Amino acid sequence: VQLQASGGGLVQAGGSLRLSCAASGRTFSRYTVGWFRQAPGKEREFVAAISWSSGVSTYYADSVKGRFTISRDNAKNTVYLQMNSLKPEDTAVYYCAADYLRSPSHISTMNDIDSWGKGTQVTVSS
């Protein structure tokens, strides 16, 4: 599966953005999808993940719980990341990744992930 992240931009602190991760391929529903981010000078970190099929299971990093929401629309081959109450420390390049039939907790480890998309820049001004 090939992935393309979009929806990044510049927003003031307290604002919102919605990122999209569009996928190619007819088996998208069998992929768990995660969002990750990398700030300048820092390592890439896990943000959120949603399970394959109906997406009944979600998993979030503590730093974004209660502010970010991940969801999926398999008919559109797209996973979304709704980001509310944004903070300057959320500034980073955001990436989506997909893992075939794996759990959200597994994809959060960033080990042996099947596919990565190119990132989209999110900048939060104070």
C-alpha atoms as a PDB file:
ATOM      1  CA  VAL A   1       0.000   0.000   0.000  1.00  0.00           C
ATOM      2  CA  GLN A   2       1.228   3.504  -0.844  1.00  0.00           C
ATOM      3  CA  LEU A   3       0.437   6.396   1.462  1.00  0.00           C
ATOM      4  CA  GLN A   4       0.236  10.157   1.086  1.00  0.00           C
ATOM      5  CA  ALA A   5      -0.210  12.511   4.021  1.00  0.00           C
ATOM      6  CA  SER A   6      -1.736  15.957   3.576  1.00  0.00           C
ATOM      7  CA  GLY A   7      -3.484  18.725   5.475  1.00  0.00           C
ATOM      8  CA  GLY A   8      -0.584  20.300   7.302  1.00  0.00           C
ATOM      9  CA  GLY A   9      -0.118  24.016   7.627  1.00  0.00           C
ATOM     10  CA  LEU A  10       0.453  26.973   9.928  1.00  0.00           C
ATOM     11  CA  VAL A  11      -1.956  27.490  12.811  1.00  0.00           C
ATOM     12  CA  GLN A  12      -1.998  29.507  16.006  1.00  0.00           C
ATOM     13  CA  ALA A  13      -1.805  27.839  19.400  1.00  0.00           C
ATOM     14  CA  GLY A  14      -5.233  26.622  20.434  1.00  0.00           C
ATOM     15  CA  GLY A  15      -6.281  26.078  16.842  1.00  0.00           C
ATOM     16  CA  SER A  16      -7.154  22.933  14.926  1.00  0.00           C
ATOM     17  CA  LEU A  17      -6.031  21.036  11.858  1.00  0.00           C
ATOM     18  CA  ARG A  18      -7.149  17.816  10.225  1.00  0.00           C
ATOM     19  CA  LEU A  19      -4.553  15.634   8.554  1.00  0.00           C
ATOM     20  CA  SER A  20      -5.438  13.038   5.950  1.00  0.00           C
ATOM     21  CA  CYS A  21      -3.574   9.887   4.973  1.00  0.00           C
ATOM     22  CA  ALA A  22      -4.751   8.634   1.593  1.00  0.00           C
ATOM     23  CA  ALA A  23      -3.839   5.100   0.563  1.00  0.00           C
ATOM     24  CA  SER A  24      -3.761   3.215  -2.680  1.00  0.00           C
ATOM     25  CA  GLY A  25      -4.700  -0.427  -2.986  1.00  0.00           C
ATOM     26  CA  ARG A  26      -7.795  -2.542  -2.511  1.00  0.00           C
ATOM     27  CA  THR A  27      -6.769  -4.098   0.812  1.00  0.00           C
ATOM     28  CA  PHE A  28      -6.539  -0.879   2.783  1.00  0.00           C
ATOM     29  CA  SER A  29      -9.078  -2.087   5.328  1.00  0.00           C
ATOM     30  CA  ARG A  30      -6.608  -4.805   6.386  1.00  0.00           C
ATOM     31  CA  TYR A  31      -4.000  -2.282   7.444  1.00  0.00           C
ATOM     32  CA  THR A  32      -3.577  -0.748  10.851  1.00  0.00           C
ATOM     33  CA  VAL A  33      -2.568   2.870  10.304  1.00  0.00           C
ATOM     34  CA  GLY A  34      -0.544   5.117  12.539  1.00  0.00           C
ATOM     35  CA  TRP A  35       0.503   8.732  12.694  1.00  0.00           C
ATOM     36  CA  PHE A  36       3.984   9.748  13.756  1.00  0.00           C
ATOM     37  CA  ARG A  37       5.842  13.027  13.957  1.00  0.00           C
ATOM     38  CA  GLN A  38       9.371  14.320  13.932  1.00  0.00           C
ATOM     39  CA  ALA A  39      10.354  17.728  15.234  1.00  0.00           C
ATOM     40  CA  PRO A  40      13.644  19.384  14.235  1.00  0.00           C
ATOM     41  CA  GLY A  41      16.540  17.834  16.078  1.00  0.00           C
ATOM     42  CA  LYS A  42      14.367  15.135  17.630  1.00  0.00           C
ATOM     43  CA  GLU A  43      13.666  11.509  16.919  1.00  0.00           C
ATOM     44  CA  ARG A  44      10.474  10.408  15.235  1.00  0.00           C
ATOM     45  CA  GLU A  45       7.760   9.587  17.755  1.00  0.00           C
ATOM     46  CA  PHE A  46       4.424   7.837  17.778  1.00  0.00           C
ATOM     47  CA  VAL A  47       1.250   9.944  17.869  1.00  0.00           C
ATOM     48  CA  ALA A  48      -1.816   7.755  17.265  1.00  0.00           C
ATOM     49  CA  ALA A  49      -2.951   4.530  15.618  1.00  0.00           C
ATOM     50  CA  ILE A  50      -6.175   2.897  14.524  1.00  0.00           C
ATOM     51  CA  SER A  51      -6.806  -0.791  14.016  1.00  0.00           C
ATOM     52  CA  TRP A  52      -7.506  -2.470  10.703  1.00  0.00           C
ATOM     53  CA  SER A  53     -11.037  -3.249   9.502  1.00  0.00           C
ATOM     54  CA  SER A  54     -13.601  -1.108  11.333  1.00  0.00           C
ATOM     55  CA  GLY A  55     -11.030   0.755  13.386  1.00  0.00           C
ATOM     56  CA  VAL A  56     -12.703  -0.166  16.653  1.00  0.00           C
ATOM     57  CA  SER A  57      -9.398   0.046  18.509  1.00  0.00           C
ATOM     58  CA  THR A  58      -7.376   3.241  18.797  1.00  0.00           C
ATOM     59  CA  TYR A  59      -4.168   4.061  20.620  1.00  0.00           C
ATOM     60  CA  TYR A  60      -2.676   7.445  21.499  1.00  0.00           C
ATOM     61  CA  ALA A  61       0.513   8.862  22.856  1.00  0.00           C
ATOM     62  CA  ASP A  62      -0.006  10.442  26.271  1.00  0.00           C
ATOM     63  CA  SER A  63       1.021  13.819  24.907  1.00  0.00           C
ATOM     64  CA  VAL A  64      -1.977  13.997  22.551  1.00  0.00           C
ATOM     65  CA  LYS A  65      -4.704  12.154  24.471  1.00  0.00           C
ATOM     66  CA  GLY A  66      -7.858  14.218  24.708  1.00  0.00           C
ATOM     67  CA  ARG A  67      -6.697  16.602  21.970  1.00  0.00           C
ATOM     68  CA  PHE A  68      -6.179  14.408  18.894  1.00  0.00           C
ATOM     69  CA  THR A  69      -8.633  11.932  17.362  1.00  0.00           C
ATOM     70  CA  ILE A  70      -7.795   9.317  14.755  1.00  0.00           C
ATOM     71  CA  SER A  71     -10.471   7.868  12.480  1.00  0.00           C
ATOM     72  CA  ARG A  72     -10.735   5.999   9.201  1.00  0.00           C
ATOM     73  CA  ASP A  73     -13.030   5.817   6.185  1.00  0.00           C
ATOM     74  CA  ASN A  74     -12.273   2.583   4.333  1.00  0.00           C
ATOM     75  CA  ALA A  75     -14.599   3.520   1.479  1.00  0.00           C
ATOM     76  CA  LYS A  76     -12.288   6.465   0.786  1.00  0.00           C
ATOM     77  CA  ASN A  77      -9.077   4.616   1.672  1.00  0.00           C
ATOM     78  CA  THR A  78      -8.279   7.420   4.095  1.00  0.00           C
ATOM     79  CA  VAL A  79      -7.297   7.811   7.730  1.00  0.00           C
ATOM     80  CA  TYR A  80      -7.709  11.158   9.455  1.00  0.00           C
ATOM     81  CA  LEU A  81      -6.043  12.821  12.403  1.00  0.00           C
ATOM     82  CA  GLN A  82      -8.134  15.592  13.911  1.00  0.00           C
ATOM     83  CA  MET A  83      -5.871  17.808  15.988  1.00  0.00           C
ATOM     84  CA  ASN A  84      -7.466  20.258  18.414  1.00  0.00           C
ATOM     85  CA  SER A  85      -6.030  22.569  21.064  1.00  0.00           C
ATOM     86  CA  LEU A  86      -2.731  22.600  19.237  1.00  0.00           C
ATOM     87  CA  LYS A  87       0.403  23.640  21.095  1.00  0.00           C
ATOM     88  CA  PRO A  88       3.734  24.956  19.805  1.00  0.00           C
ATOM     89  CA  GLU A  89       5.306  21.661  20.883  1.00  0.00           C
ATOM     90  CA  ASP A  90       3.091  19.884  18.333  1.00  0.00           C
ATOM     91  CA  THR A  91       5.158  21.501  15.582  1.00  0.00           C
ATOM     92  CA  ALA A  92       6.700  18.726  13.489  1.00  0.00           C
ATOM     93  CA  VAL A  93       6.579  16.876  10.220  1.00  0.00           C
ATOM     94  CA  TYR A  94       3.744  14.362  10.495  1.00  0.00           C
ATOM     95  CA  TYR A  95       3.925  10.984   8.780  1.00  0.00           C
ATOM     96  CA  CYS A  96       1.435   8.181   8.354  1.00  0.00           C
ATOM     97  CA  ALA A  97       2.369   4.524   8.172  1.00  0.00           C
ATOM     98  CA  ALA A  98       0.523   1.260   7.615  1.00  0.00           C
ATOM     99  CA  ASP A  99       1.040  -2.244   8.924  1.00  0.00           C
ATOM    100  CA  TYR A 100      -0.776  -5.304   7.587  1.00  0.00           C
ATOM    101  CA  LEU A 101      -3.076  -6.958  10.167  1.00  0.00           C
ATOM    102  CA  ARG A 102      -1.004  -5.676  13.087  1.00  0.00           C
ATOM    103  CA  SER A 103      -2.298  -4.155  16.312  1.00  0.00           C
ATOM    104  CA  PRO A 104      -2.193  -0.419  17.059  1.00  0.00           C
ATOM    105  CA  SER A 105       0.149  -1.080  19.963  1.00  0.00           C
ATOM    106  CA  HIS A 106       2.574  -2.857  17.650  1.00  0.00           C
ATOM    107  CA  ILE A 107       2.687  -0.066  15.089  1.00  0.00           C
ATOM    108  CA  SER A 108       3.419   2.365  17.920  1.00  0.00           C
ATOM    109  CA  THR A 109       6.824   0.694  18.354  1.00  0.00           C
ATOM    110  CA  MET A 110       7.768   1.684  14.781  1.00  0.00           C
ATOM    111  CA  ASN A 111       9.346  -1.752  14.307  1.00  0.00           C
ATOM    112  CA  ASP A 112       9.099  -3.471  10.927  1.00  0.00           C
ATOM    113  CA  ILE A 113       6.337  -1.258   9.532  1.00  0.00           C
ATOM    114  CA  ASP A 114       5.199  -2.175   6.035  1.00  0.00           C
ATOM    115  CA  SER A 115       4.703   1.264   4.476  1.00  0.00           C
ATOM    116  CA  TRP A 116       5.526   4.872   5.234  1.00  0.00           C
ATOM    117  CA  GLY A 117       4.141   7.935   3.527  1.00  0.00           C
ATOM    118  CA  LYS A 118       5.873  11.245   2.927  1.00  0.00           C
ATOM    119  CA  GLY A 119       5.276  13.768   5.647  1.00  0.00           C
ATOM    120  CA  THR A 120       3.265  16.948   5.952  1.00  0.00           C
ATOM    121  CA  GLN A 121       4.507  19.947   7.940  1.00  0.00           C
ATOM    122  CA  VAL A 122       2.503  21.204  10.902  1.00  0.00           C
ATOM    123  CA  THR A 123       3.607  24.481  12.470  1.00  0.00           C
ATOM    124  CA  VAL A 124       1.929  25.882  15.565  1.00  0.00           C
ATOM    125  CA  SER A 125       2.754  29.462  16.435  1.00  0.00           C
ATOM    126  CA  SER A 126       2.572  30.808  19.984  1.00  0.00           C
END
